[in-house]
PDB file of all heavy atoms in Angstrom:
ATOM      1  N   PHE A   1       5.413  -0.274 -10.662  1.00  0.00           N
ATOM      2  CA  PHE A   1       5.806   0.633 -11.831  1.00  0.00           C
ATOM      3  C   PHE A   1       6.880   1.512 -11.343  1.00  0.00           C
ATOM      4  O   PHE A   1       6.782   2.542 -10.788  1.00  0.00           O
ATOM      5  CB  PHE A   1       4.563   1.506 -12.125  1.00  0.00           C
ATOM      6  CG  PHE A   1       3.432   0.836 -12.695  1.00  0.00           C
ATOM      7  CD1 PHE A   1       2.452   0.357 -11.804  1.00  0.00           C
ATOM      8  CD2 PHE A   1       3.350   0.368 -14.039  1.00  0.00           C
ATOM      9  CE1 PHE A   1       1.283  -0.417 -12.281  1.00  0.00           C
ATOM     10  CE2 PHE A   1       2.318  -0.329 -14.559  1.00  0.00           C
ATOM     11  CZ  PHE A   1       1.309  -0.802 -13.583  1.00  0.00           C
ATOM     12  N   MET A   2       8.115   0.912 -11.567  1.00  0.00           N
ATOM     13  CA  MET A   2       9.378   1.683 -11.183  1.00  0.00           C
ATOM     14  C   MET A   2      10.296   1.918 -12.409  1.00  0.00           C
ATOM     15  O   MET A   2      10.242   0.956 -13.290  1.00  0.00           O
ATOM     16  CB  MET A   2      10.025   0.971 -10.030  1.00  0.00           C
ATOM     17  CG  MET A   2       9.122   1.018  -8.771  1.00  0.00           C
ATOM     18  SD  MET A   2      10.248   1.015  -7.293  1.00  0.00           S
ATOM     19  CE  MET A   2      10.965   2.704  -7.405  1.00  0.00           C
ATOM     20  N   GLY A   3      10.975   2.902 -12.283  1.00  0.00           N
ATOM     21  CA  GLY A   3      12.015   3.101 -13.324  1.00  0.00           C
ATOM     22  C   GLY A   3      13.120   3.959 -12.972  1.00  0.00           C
ATOM     23  O   GLY A   3      13.132   4.486 -11.959  1.00  0.00           O
ATOM     24  N   TRP A   4      14.184   3.871 -13.922  1.00  0.00           N
ATOM     25  CA  TRP A   4      15.278   4.765 -13.678  1.00  0.00           C
ATOM     26  C   TRP A   4      15.246   5.695 -14.997  1.00  0.00           C
ATOM     27  O   TRP A   4      15.179   5.234 -16.067  1.00  0.00           O
ATOM     28  CB  TRP A   4      16.589   3.937 -13.717  1.00  0.00           C
ATOM     29  CG  TRP A   4      16.889   3.310 -12.465  1.00  0.00           C
ATOM     30  CD1 TRP A   4      16.522   1.966 -12.031  1.00  0.00           C
ATOM     31  CD2 TRP A   4      17.475   3.847 -11.234  1.00  0.00           C
ATOM     32  NE1 TRP A   4      16.999   1.735 -10.782  1.00  0.00           N
ATOM     33  CE2 TRP A   4      17.491   2.792 -10.284  1.00  0.00           C
ATOM     34  CE3 TRP A   4      18.013   5.045 -10.900  1.00  0.00           C
ATOM     35  CZ2 TRP A   4      18.085   3.069  -9.003  1.00  0.00           C
ATOM     36  CZ3 TRP A   4      18.531   5.230  -9.630  1.00  0.00           C
ATOM     37  CH2 TRP A   4      18.637   4.235  -8.709  1.00  0.00           C
ATOM     38  N   TYR A   5      15.622   7.037 -14.614  1.00  0.00           N
ATOM     39  CA  TYR A   5      15.621   8.013 -15.697  1.00  0.00           C
ATOM     40  C   TYR A   5      17.076   8.653 -15.484  1.00  0.00           C
ATOM     41  O   TYR A   5      17.655   8.533 -14.399  1.00  0.00           O
ATOM     42  CB  TYR A   5      14.571   8.999 -15.531  1.00  0.00           C
ATOM     43  CG  TYR A   5      13.184   8.606 -15.916  1.00  0.00           C
ATOM     44  CD1 TYR A   5      12.451   7.609 -15.104  1.00  0.00           C
ATOM     45  CD2 TYR A   5      12.521   9.020 -17.178  1.00  0.00           C
ATOM     46  CE1 TYR A   5      11.208   7.187 -15.535  1.00  0.00           C
ATOM     47  CE2 TYR A   5      11.298   8.496 -17.468  1.00  0.00           C
ATOM     48  CZ  TYR A   5      10.499   7.647 -16.647  1.00  0.00           C
ATOM     49  OH  TYR A   5       9.365   7.225 -17.105  1.00  0.00           O
ATOM     50  N   ARG A   6      17.453   9.419 -16.446  1.00  0.00           N
ATOM     51  CA  ARG A   6      18.708  10.209 -16.306  1.00  0.00           C
ATOM     52  C   ARG A   6      18.536  11.504 -17.092  1.00  0.00           C
ATOM     53  O   ARG A   6      17.772  11.700 -17.983  1.00  0.00           O
ATOM     54  CB  ARG A   6      19.898   9.369 -16.841  1.00  0.00           C
ATOM     55  CG  ARG A   6      19.912   9.184 -18.326  1.00  0.00           C
ATOM     56  CD  ARG A   6      21.173   8.179 -18.689  1.00  0.00           C
ATOM     57  NE  ARG A   6      21.112   7.944 -20.204  1.00  0.00           N
ATOM     58  CZ  ARG A   6      22.029   7.076 -20.741  1.00  0.00           C
ATOM     59  NH1 ARG A   6      22.850   6.477 -19.908  1.00  0.00           N
ATOM     60  NH2 ARG A   6      21.978   6.933 -21.964  1.00  0.00           N
ATOM     61  N   GLN A   7      19.314  12.472 -16.614  1.00  0.00           N
ATOM     62  CA  GLN A   7      19.306  13.729 -17.252  1.00  0.00           C
ATOM     63  C   GLN A   7      20.713  14.226 -17.369  1.00  0.00           C
ATOM     64  O   GLN A   7      21.444  14.450 -16.395  1.00  0.00           O
ATOM     65  CB  GLN A   7      18.475  14.730 -16.559  1.00  0.00           C
ATOM     66  CG  GLN A   7      18.359  16.146 -17.325  1.00  0.00           C
ATOM     67  CD  GLN A   7      17.236  16.937 -16.642  1.00  0.00           C
ATOM     68  OE1 GLN A   7      16.805  16.710 -15.453  1.00  0.00           O
ATOM     69  NE2 GLN A   7      16.763  17.974 -17.421  1.00  0.00           N
ATOM     70  N   ALA A   8      21.325  14.387 -18.636  1.00  0.00           N
ATOM     71  CA  ALA A   8      22.591  14.889 -18.831  1.00  0.00           C
ATOM     72  C   ALA A   8      22.581  16.364 -18.940  1.00  0.00           C
ATOM     73  O   ALA A   8      21.456  17.005 -19.268  1.00  0.00           O
ATOM     74  CB  ALA A   8      23.141  14.299 -20.145  1.00  0.00           C
ATOM     75  N   PRO A   9      23.665  17.089 -18.764  1.00  0.00           N
ATOM     76  CA  PRO A   9      23.650  18.505 -18.804  1.00  0.00           C
ATOM     77  C   PRO A   9      23.216  19.003 -20.199  1.00  0.00           C
ATOM     78  O   PRO A   9      23.619  18.475 -21.195  1.00  0.00           O
ATOM     79  CB  PRO A   9      25.175  18.858 -18.615  1.00  0.00           C
ATOM     80  CG  PRO A   9      25.678  17.758 -17.810  1.00  0.00           C
ATOM     81  CD  PRO A   9      24.987  16.512 -18.236  1.00  0.00           C
ATOM     82  N   GLY A  10      22.226  19.907 -20.112  1.00  0.00           N
ATOM     83  CA  GLY A  10      21.659  20.497 -21.436  1.00  0.00           C
ATOM     84  C   GLY A  10      20.662  19.577 -22.090  1.00  0.00           C
ATOM     85  O   GLY A  10      20.365  19.998 -23.143  1.00  0.00           O
ATOM     86  N   LYS A  11      20.361  18.474 -21.494  1.00  0.00           N
ATOM     87  CA  LYS A  11      19.488  17.585 -22.228  1.00  0.00           C
ATOM     88  C   LYS A  11      18.234  17.343 -21.388  1.00  0.00           C
ATOM     89  O   LYS A  11      18.188  17.588 -20.200  1.00  0.00           O
ATOM     90  CB  LYS A  11      20.145  16.292 -22.501  1.00  0.00           C
ATOM     91  CG  LYS A  11      21.281  16.393 -23.424  1.00  0.00           C
ATOM     92  CD  LYS A  11      21.850  15.079 -23.915  1.00  0.00           C
ATOM     93  CE  LYS A  11      22.931  15.110 -24.976  1.00  0.00           C
ATOM     94  NZ  LYS A  11      23.357  13.851 -25.439  1.00  0.00           N
ATOM     95  N   GLU A  12      17.235  16.741 -22.033  1.00  0.00           N
ATOM     96  CA  GLU A  12      15.955  16.414 -21.244  1.00  0.00           C
ATOM     97  C   GLU A  12      16.094  15.225 -20.534  1.00  0.00           C
ATOM     98  O   GLU A  12      16.997  14.357 -20.895  1.00  0.00           O
ATOM     99  CB  GLU A  12      14.839  16.423 -22.303  1.00  0.00           C
ATOM    100  CG  GLU A  12      14.435  17.673 -22.907  1.00  0.00           C
ATOM    101  CD  GLU A  12      13.214  17.613 -23.819  1.00  0.00           C
ATOM    102  OE1 GLU A  12      12.692  16.500 -23.914  1.00  0.00           O
ATOM    103  OE2 GLU A  12      12.706  18.646 -24.247  1.00  0.00           O
ATOM    104  N   ARG A  13      15.273  14.991 -19.487  1.00  0.00           N
ATOM    105  CA  ARG A  13      15.353  13.705 -18.818  1.00  0.00           C
ATOM    106  C   ARG A  13      14.776  12.611 -19.710  1.00  0.00           C
ATOM    107  O   ARG A  13      13.829  12.823 -20.322  1.00  0.00           O
ATOM    108  CB  ARG A  13      14.524  13.930 -17.554  1.00  0.00           C
ATOM    109  CG  ARG A  13      14.562  12.636 -16.471  1.00  0.00           C
ATOM    110  CD  ARG A  13      13.902  12.992 -15.209  1.00  0.00           C
ATOM    111  NE  ARG A  13      14.441  14.117 -14.512  1.00  0.00           N
ATOM    112  CZ  ARG A  13      14.018  14.540 -13.338  1.00  0.00           C
ATOM    113  NH1 ARG A  13      13.174  13.774 -12.645  1.00  0.00           N
ATOM    114  NH2 ARG A  13      14.536  15.619 -12.776  1.00  0.00           N
ATOM    115  N   GLU A  14      15.495  11.482 -19.668  1.00  0.00           N
ATOM    116  CA  GLU A  14      15.045  10.250 -20.498  1.00  0.00           C
ATOM    117  C   GLU A  14      14.904   9.024 -19.730  1.00  0.00           C
ATOM    118  O   GLU A  14      15.589   8.897 -18.678  1.00  0.00           O
ATOM    119  CB  GLU A  14      16.067  10.148 -21.561  1.00  0.00           C
ATOM    120  CG  GLU A  14      17.499   9.732 -21.113  1.00  0.00           C
ATOM    121  CD  GLU A  14      18.410   9.562 -22.301  1.00  0.00           C
ATOM    122  OE1 GLU A  14      17.933   9.672 -23.546  1.00  0.00           O
ATOM    123  OE2 GLU A  14      19.566   9.220 -21.979  1.00  0.00           O
ATOM    124  N   LEU A  15      14.086   8.134 -20.211  1.00  0.00           N
ATOM    125  CA  LEU A  15      13.987   6.943 -19.557  1.00  0.00           C
ATOM    126  C   LEU A  15      15.123   6.037 -19.859  1.00  0.00           C
ATOM    127  O   LEU A  15      15.584   5.858 -20.958  1.00  0.00           O
ATOM    128  CB  LEU A  15      12.619   6.158 -20.023  1.00  0.00           C
ATOM    129  CG  LEU A  15      12.435   4.716 -19.630  1.00  0.00           C
ATOM    130  CD1 LEU A  15      12.156   4.701 -18.067  1.00  0.00           C
ATOM    131  CD2 LEU A  15      11.374   4.146 -20.302  1.00  0.00           C
ATOM    132  N   VAL A  16      15.741   5.483 -18.829  1.00  0.00           N
ATOM    133  CA  VAL A  16      16.726   4.454 -18.926  1.00  0.00           C
ATOM    134  C   VAL A  16      16.252   3.002 -18.961  1.00  0.00           C
ATOM    135  O   VAL A  16      16.557   2.270 -19.927  1.00  0.00           O
ATOM    136  CB  VAL A  16      17.863   4.603 -17.823  1.00  0.00           C
ATOM    137  CG1 VAL A  16      18.948   3.587 -17.984  1.00  0.00           C
ATOM    138  CG2 VAL A  16      18.378   6.156 -17.871  1.00  0.00           C
ATOM    139  N   ALA A  17      15.432   2.786 -17.934  1.00  0.00           N
ATOM    140  CA  ALA A  17      14.844   1.386 -17.743  1.00  0.00           C
ATOM    141  C   ALA A  17      13.764   1.451 -16.889  1.00  0.00           C
ATOM    142  O   ALA A  17      13.705   2.310 -15.995  1.00  0.00           O
ATOM    143  CB  ALA A  17      15.928   0.404 -17.332  1.00  0.00           C
ATOM    144  N   ASN A  18      12.713   0.507 -17.100  1.00  0.00           N
ATOM    145  CA  ASN A  18      11.710   0.373 -16.060  1.00  0.00           C
ATOM    146  C   ASN A  18      11.365  -1.058 -15.892  1.00  0.00           C
ATOM    147  O   ASN A  18      11.722  -1.881 -16.702  1.00  0.00           O
ATOM    148  CB  ASN A  18      10.511   1.223 -16.523  1.00  0.00           C
ATOM    149  CG  ASN A  18       9.809   0.898 -17.739  1.00  0.00           C
ATOM    150  OD1 ASN A  18      10.124  -0.086 -18.340  1.00  0.00           O
ATOM    151  ND2 ASN A  18       9.047   1.647 -18.216  1.00  0.00           N
ATOM    152  N   ILE A  19      10.762  -1.314 -14.732  1.00  0.00           N
ATOM    153  CA  ILE A  19      10.329  -2.689 -14.356  1.00  0.00           C
ATOM    154  C   ILE A  19       8.887  -2.482 -13.943  1.00  0.00           C
ATOM    155  O   ILE A  19       8.609  -1.800 -13.017  1.00  0.00           O
ATOM    156  CB  ILE A  19      11.178  -3.277 -13.311  1.00  0.00           C
ATOM    157  CG1 ILE A  19      10.844  -4.757 -12.964  1.00  0.00           C
ATOM    158  CG2 ILE A  19      11.291  -2.432 -12.137  1.00  0.00           C
ATOM    159  CD1 ILE A  19      11.824  -5.536 -12.338  1.00  0.00           C
ATOM    160  N   VAL A  20       8.019  -3.350 -14.596  1.00  0.00           N
ATOM    161  CA  VAL A  20       6.601  -3.262 -14.283  1.00  0.00           C
ATOM    162  C   VAL A  20       5.957  -4.629 -13.983  1.00  0.00           C
ATOM    163  O   VAL A  20       6.567  -5.615 -14.460  1.00  0.00           O
ATOM    164  CB  VAL A  20       5.812  -2.521 -15.343  1.00  0.00           C
ATOM    165  CG1 VAL A  20       6.385  -1.170 -15.719  1.00  0.00           C
ATOM    166  CG2 VAL A  20       5.866  -3.333 -16.723  1.00  0.00           C
ATOM    167  N   GLY A  21       4.880  -4.609 -13.316  1.00  0.00           N
ATOM    168  CA  GLY A  21       4.113  -5.776 -13.056  1.00  0.00           C
ATOM    169  C   GLY A  21       4.948  -6.887 -12.401  1.00  0.00           C
ATOM    170  O   GLY A  21       5.631  -6.584 -11.388  1.00  0.00           O
ATOM    171  N   ASN A  22       5.024  -8.007 -12.900  1.00  0.00           N
ATOM    172  CA  ASN A  22       5.559  -9.188 -12.320  1.00  0.00           C
ATOM    173  C   ASN A  22       7.087  -9.273 -12.713  1.00  0.00           C
ATOM    174  O   ASN A  22       7.689 -10.353 -12.505  1.00  0.00           O
ATOM    175  CB  ASN A  22       4.916 -10.440 -12.691  1.00  0.00           C
ATOM    176  CG  ASN A  22       3.562 -10.659 -12.052  1.00  0.00           C
ATOM    177  OD1 ASN A  22       3.421 -10.189 -10.922  1.00  0.00           O
ATOM    178  ND2 ASN A  22       2.706 -11.246 -12.691  1.00  0.00           N
ATOM    179  N   GLY A  23       7.584  -8.236 -13.354  1.00  0.00           N
ATOM    180  CA  GLY A  23       9.019  -8.266 -13.731  1.00  0.00           C
ATOM    181  C   GLY A  23       9.305  -7.901 -15.152  1.00  0.00           C
ATOM    182  O   GLY A  23      10.367  -8.249 -15.588  1.00  0.00           O
ATOM    183  N   ILE A  24       8.382  -7.365 -15.859  1.00  0.00           N
ATOM    184  CA  ILE A  24       8.564  -6.977 -17.294  1.00  0.00           C
ATOM    185  C   ILE A  24       9.581  -5.832 -17.271  1.00  0.00           C
ATOM    186  O   ILE A  24       9.226  -4.810 -16.625  1.00  0.00           O
ATOM    187  CB  ILE A  24       7.300  -6.691 -17.932  1.00  0.00           C
ATOM    188  CG1 ILE A  24       6.317  -7.912 -17.945  1.00  0.00           C
ATOM    189  CG2 ILE A  24       7.540  -6.166 -19.441  1.00  0.00           C
ATOM    190  CD1 ILE A  24       4.929  -7.554 -18.567  1.00  0.00           C
ATOM    191  N   VAL A  25      10.571  -5.889 -17.989  1.00  0.00           N
ATOM    192  CA  VAL A  25      11.584  -4.888 -18.006  1.00  0.00           C
ATOM    193  C   VAL A  25      11.676  -4.235 -19.444  1.00  0.00           C
ATOM    194  O   VAL A  25      11.571  -4.916 -20.500  1.00  0.00           O
ATOM    195  CB  VAL A  25      12.982  -5.331 -17.545  1.00  0.00           C
ATOM    196  CG1 VAL A  25      12.904  -5.915 -16.091  1.00  0.00           C
ATOM    197  CG2 VAL A  25      13.487  -6.531 -18.520  1.00  0.00           C
ATOM    198  N   ASN A  26      12.039  -3.005 -19.491  1.00  0.00           N
ATOM    199  CA  ASN A  26      12.138  -2.191 -20.718  1.00  0.00           C
ATOM    200  C   ASN A  26      13.435  -1.419 -20.554  1.00  0.00           C
ATOM    201  O   ASN A  26      13.739  -0.872 -19.501  1.00  0.00           O
ATOM    202  CB  ASN A  26      11.017  -1.325 -20.986  1.00  0.00           C
ATOM    203  CG  ASN A  26       9.659  -2.052 -21.140  1.00  0.00           C
ATOM    204  OD1 ASN A  26       9.563  -2.802 -22.116  1.00  0.00           O
ATOM    205  ND2 ASN A  26       8.895  -2.055 -20.101  1.00  0.00           N
ATOM    206  N   TYR A  27      14.101  -1.331 -21.648  1.00  0.00           N
ATOM    207  CA  TYR A  27      15.484  -0.536 -21.684  1.00  0.00           C
ATOM    208  C   TYR A  27      15.417   0.421 -22.785  1.00  0.00           C
ATOM    209  O   TYR A  27      14.989   0.151 -23.862  1.00  0.00           O
ATOM    210  CB  TYR A  27      16.663  -1.412 -21.797  1.00  0.00           C
ATOM    211  CG  TYR A  27      16.871  -2.395 -20.607  1.00  0.00           C
ATOM    212  CD1 TYR A  27      16.300  -3.661 -20.631  1.00  0.00           C
ATOM    213  CD2 TYR A  27      17.368  -1.971 -19.429  1.00  0.00           C
ATOM    214  CE1 TYR A  27      16.430  -4.571 -19.564  1.00  0.00           C
ATOM    215  CE2 TYR A  27      17.556  -2.798 -18.365  1.00  0.00           C
ATOM    216  CZ  TYR A  27      17.039  -4.120 -18.469  1.00  0.00           C
ATOM    217  OH  TYR A  27      17.252  -4.937 -17.336  1.00  0.00           O
ATOM    218  N   ALA A  28      16.068   1.598 -22.592  1.00  0.00           N
ATOM    219  CA  ALA A  28      16.492   2.451 -23.841  1.00  0.00           C
ATOM    220  C   ALA A  28      17.396   1.703 -24.677  1.00  0.00           C
ATOM    221  O   ALA A  28      18.280   0.949 -24.194  1.00  0.00           O
ATOM    222  CB  ALA A  28      17.058   3.727 -23.310  1.00  0.00           C
ATOM    223  N   ASN A  29      17.320   1.923 -25.967  1.00  0.00           N
ATOM    224  CA  ASN A  29      18.327   1.271 -26.782  1.00  0.00           C
ATOM    225  C   ASN A  29      19.669   1.501 -26.485  1.00  0.00           C
ATOM    226  O   ASN A  29      20.575   0.597 -26.712  1.00  0.00           O
ATOM    227  CB  ASN A  29      18.009   1.723 -28.310  1.00  0.00           C
ATOM    228  CG  ASN A  29      16.660   1.204 -28.914  1.00  0.00           C
ATOM    229  OD1 ASN A  29      16.202   0.072 -28.410  1.00  0.00           O
ATOM    230  ND2 ASN A  29      16.054   1.879 -29.799  1.00  0.00           N
ATOM    231  N   SER A  30      19.978   2.723 -26.072  1.00  0.00           N
ATOM    232  CA  SER A  30      21.313   3.087 -25.762  1.00  0.00           C
ATOM    233  C   SER A  30      22.058   2.310 -24.561  1.00  0.00           C
ATOM    234  O   SER A  30      23.210   2.370 -24.488  1.00  0.00           O
ATOM    235  CB  SER A  30      21.394   4.652 -25.535  1.00  0.00           C
ATOM    236  OG  SER A  30      20.648   4.947 -24.315  1.00  0.00           O
ATOM    237  N   VAL A  31      21.170   1.601 -23.749  1.00  0.00           N
ATOM    238  CA  VAL A  31      21.821   0.940 -22.738  1.00  0.00           C
ATOM    239  C   VAL A  31      21.467  -0.574 -22.697  1.00  0.00           C
ATOM    240  O   VAL A  31      21.946  -1.268 -21.730  1.00  0.00           O
ATOM    241  CB  VAL A  31      21.199   1.512 -21.371  1.00  0.00           C
ATOM    242  CG1 VAL A  31      21.482   3.032 -21.279  1.00  0.00           C
ATOM    243  CG2 VAL A  31      19.757   1.190 -21.124  1.00  0.00           C
ATOM    244  N   LYS A  32      20.776  -1.093 -23.686  1.00  0.00           N
ATOM    245  CA  LYS A  32      20.503  -2.445 -23.771  1.00  0.00           C
ATOM    246  C   LYS A  32      21.870  -3.311 -23.781  1.00  0.00           C
ATOM    247  O   LYS A  32      22.773  -2.927 -24.387  1.00  0.00           O
ATOM    248  CB  LYS A  32      19.677  -2.785 -24.934  1.00  0.00           C
ATOM    249  CG  LYS A  32      18.208  -2.406 -24.916  1.00  0.00           C
ATOM    250  CD  LYS A  32      17.439  -2.778 -26.206  1.00  0.00           C
ATOM    251  CE  LYS A  32      15.958  -2.483 -26.070  1.00  0.00           C
ATOM    252  NZ  LYS A  32      15.155  -2.754 -27.278  1.00  0.00           N
ATOM    253  N   ALA A  33      21.783  -4.371 -23.135  1.00  0.00           N
ATOM    254  CA  ALA A  33      22.916  -5.255 -23.035  1.00  0.00           C
ATOM    255  C   ALA A  33      24.015  -4.702 -22.037  1.00  0.00           C
ATOM    256  O   ALA A  33      24.952  -5.484 -21.814  1.00  0.00           O
ATOM    257  CB  ALA A  33      23.580  -5.730 -24.394  1.00  0.00           C
ATOM    258  N   ARG A  34      23.806  -3.607 -21.579  1.00  0.00           N
ATOM    259  CA  ARG A  34      24.820  -3.035 -20.715  1.00  0.00           C
ATOM    260  C   ARG A  34      24.309  -2.803 -19.329  1.00  0.00           C
ATOM    261  O   ARG A  34      24.963  -2.961 -18.218  1.00  0.00           O
ATOM    262  CB  ARG A  34      25.485  -1.737 -21.200  1.00  0.00           C
ATOM    263  CG  ARG A  34      26.155  -1.859 -22.526  1.00  0.00           C
ATOM    264  CD  ARG A  34      26.876  -0.572 -22.906  1.00  0.00           C
ATOM    265  NE  ARG A  34      25.955   0.622 -23.021  1.00  0.00           N
ATOM    266  CZ  ARG A  34      26.060   1.744 -22.281  1.00  0.00           C
ATOM    267  NH1 ARG A  34      27.046   1.891 -21.363  1.00  0.00           N
ATOM    268  NH2 ARG A  34      25.289   2.841 -22.560  1.00  0.00           N
ATOM    269  N   PHE A  35      22.934  -2.441 -19.169  1.00  0.00           N
ATOM    270  CA  PHE A  35      22.414  -2.107 -17.996  1.00  0.00           C
ATOM    271  C   PHE A  35      21.367  -3.115 -17.599  1.00  0.00           C
ATOM    272  O   PHE A  35      20.725  -3.672 -18.510  1.00  0.00           O
ATOM    273  CB  PHE A  35      21.678  -0.700 -17.913  1.00  0.00           C
ATOM    274  CG  PHE A  35      22.553   0.392 -18.050  1.00  0.00           C
ATOM    275  CD1 PHE A  35      23.924   0.327 -18.305  1.00  0.00           C
ATOM    276  CD2 PHE A  35      22.038   1.731 -17.924  1.00  0.00           C
ATOM    277  CE1 PHE A  35      24.785   1.470 -18.330  1.00  0.00           C
ATOM    278  CE2 PHE A  35      22.806   2.899 -17.973  1.00  0.00           C
ATOM    279  CZ  PHE A  35      24.171   2.769 -18.182  1.00  0.00           C
ATOM    280  N   THR A  36      21.167  -3.338 -16.328  1.00  0.00           N
ATOM    281  CA  THR A  36      20.085  -4.315 -15.888  1.00  0.00           C
ATOM    282  C   THR A  36      19.372  -3.728 -14.622  1.00  0.00           C
ATOM    283  O   THR A  36      20.034  -3.263 -13.712  1.00  0.00           O
ATOM    284  CB  THR A  36      20.808  -5.679 -15.410  1.00  0.00           C
ATOM    285  OG1 THR A  36      21.486  -6.228 -16.473  1.00  0.00           O
ATOM    286  CG2 THR A  36      19.699  -6.603 -15.011  1.00  0.00           C
ATOM    287  N   ILE A  37      18.041  -3.717 -14.853  1.00  0.00           N
ATOM    288  CA  ILE A  37      17.151  -3.214 -13.697  1.00  0.00           C
ATOM    289  C   ILE A  37      16.643  -4.476 -12.987  1.00  0.00           C
ATOM    290  O   ILE A  37      16.272  -5.484 -13.572  1.00  0.00           O
ATOM    291  CB  ILE A  37      16.078  -2.282 -14.273  1.00  0.00           C
ATOM    292  CG1 ILE A  37      15.279  -1.638 -13.015  1.00  0.00           C
ATOM    293  CG2 ILE A  37      15.117  -3.006 -15.207  1.00  0.00           C
ATOM    294  CD1 ILE A  37      14.339  -0.571 -13.458  1.00  0.00           C
ATOM    295  N   SER A  38      16.613  -4.238 -11.649  1.00  0.00           N
ATOM    296  CA  SER A  38      16.068  -5.445 -10.920  1.00  0.00           C
ATOM    297  C   SER A  38      15.331  -4.818  -9.708  1.00  0.00           C
ATOM    298  O   SER A  38      15.455  -3.603  -9.333  1.00  0.00           O
ATOM    299  CB  SER A  38      17.134  -6.419 -10.430  1.00  0.00           C
ATOM    300  OG  SER A  38      18.174  -5.839  -9.643  1.00  0.00           O
ATOM    301  N   ARG A  39      14.546  -5.565  -8.968  1.00  0.00           N
ATOM    302  CA  ARG A  39      13.765  -5.183  -7.801  1.00  0.00           C
ATOM    303  C   ARG A  39      13.815  -6.174  -6.649  1.00  0.00           C
ATOM    304  O   ARG A  39      13.686  -7.356  -6.965  1.00  0.00           O
ATOM    305  CB  ARG A  39      12.385  -4.926  -8.399  1.00  0.00           C
ATOM    306  CG  ARG A  39      11.357  -4.398  -7.367  1.00  0.00           C
ATOM    307  CD  ARG A  39      10.024  -4.212  -8.176  1.00  0.00           C
ATOM    308  NE  ARG A  39       9.489  -5.508  -8.588  1.00  0.00           N
ATOM    309  CZ  ARG A  39       8.589  -5.614  -9.619  1.00  0.00           C
ATOM    310  NH1 ARG A  39       8.109  -4.666 -10.178  1.00  0.00           N
ATOM    311  NH2 ARG A  39       8.078  -6.779  -9.889  1.00  0.00           N
ATOM    312  N   ASP A  40      13.773  -5.650  -5.460  1.00  0.00           N
ATOM    313  CA  ASP A  40      13.805  -6.548  -4.354  1.00  0.00           C
ATOM    314  C   ASP A  40      12.560  -6.050  -3.548  1.00  0.00           C
ATOM    315  O   ASP A  40      12.701  -5.086  -2.746  1.00  0.00           O
ATOM    316  CB  ASP A  40      15.044  -6.397  -3.434  1.00  0.00           C
ATOM    317  CG  ASP A  40      15.083  -7.311  -2.348  1.00  0.00           C
ATOM    318  OD1 ASP A  40      13.971  -7.775  -1.820  1.00  0.00           O
ATOM    319  OD2 ASP A  40      16.166  -7.727  -1.818  1.00  0.00           O
ATOM    320  N   ASN A  41      11.468  -6.734  -3.692  1.00  0.00           N
ATOM    321  CA  ASN A  41      10.232  -6.200  -3.014  1.00  0.00           C
ATOM    322  C   ASN A  41      10.315  -6.258  -1.455  1.00  0.00           C
ATOM    323  O   ASN A  41       9.729  -5.429  -0.840  1.00  0.00           O
ATOM    324  CB  ASN A  41       9.020  -7.009  -3.585  1.00  0.00           C
ATOM    325  CG  ASN A  41       8.750  -6.849  -4.991  1.00  0.00           C
ATOM    326  OD1 ASN A  41       8.860  -5.723  -5.408  1.00  0.00           O
ATOM    327  ND2 ASN A  41       8.209  -7.825  -5.697  1.00  0.00           N
ATOM    328  N   ALA A  42      11.022  -7.256  -0.958  1.00  0.00           N
ATOM    329  CA  ALA A  42      11.203  -7.380   0.410  1.00  0.00           C
ATOM    330  C   ALA A  42      11.865  -6.267   1.047  1.00  0.00           C
ATOM    331  O   ALA A  42      11.691  -5.866   2.231  1.00  0.00           O
ATOM    332  CB  ALA A  42      11.841  -8.705   0.886  1.00  0.00           C
ATOM    333  N   LYS A  43      12.726  -5.567   0.312  1.00  0.00           N
ATOM    334  CA  LYS A  43      13.541  -4.550   0.861  1.00  0.00           C
ATOM    335  C   LYS A  43      13.070  -3.170   0.221  1.00  0.00           C
ATOM    336  O   LYS A  43      13.710  -2.140   0.481  1.00  0.00           O
ATOM    337  CB  LYS A  43      14.971  -4.666   0.481  1.00  0.00           C
ATOM    338  CG  LYS A  43      15.571  -6.031   1.246  1.00  0.00           C
ATOM    339  CD  LYS A  43      17.099  -6.041   0.910  1.00  0.00           C
ATOM    340  CE  LYS A  43      17.760  -7.137   1.574  1.00  0.00           C
ATOM    341  NZ  LYS A  43      19.200  -7.392   1.304  1.00  0.00           N
ATOM    342  N   ASN A  44      11.996  -3.205  -0.502  1.00  0.00           N
ATOM    343  CA  ASN A  44      11.500  -1.933  -1.117  1.00  0.00           C
ATOM    344  C   ASN A  44      12.621  -1.150  -1.944  1.00  0.00           C
ATOM    345  O   ASN A  44      12.721  -0.034  -1.786  1.00  0.00           O
ATOM    346  CB  ASN A  44      10.771  -1.051  -0.109  1.00  0.00           C
ATOM    347  CG  ASN A  44       9.500  -1.615   0.411  1.00  0.00           C
ATOM    348  OD1 ASN A  44       8.911  -2.444  -0.367  1.00  0.00           O
ATOM    349  ND2 ASN A  44       9.107  -1.151   1.520  1.00  0.00           N
TER     350      ASN A  44
END
């Protein structure tokens, strides 16, 4: 259960993308098709 969040000045922290389980990924609508989350378990 890992994710990336971001916080812009004057704004609340928001989810950007997460990756769960065997590789299910989710993206905020604002970053879909532009951002890609990935995971290397061997390198943590």
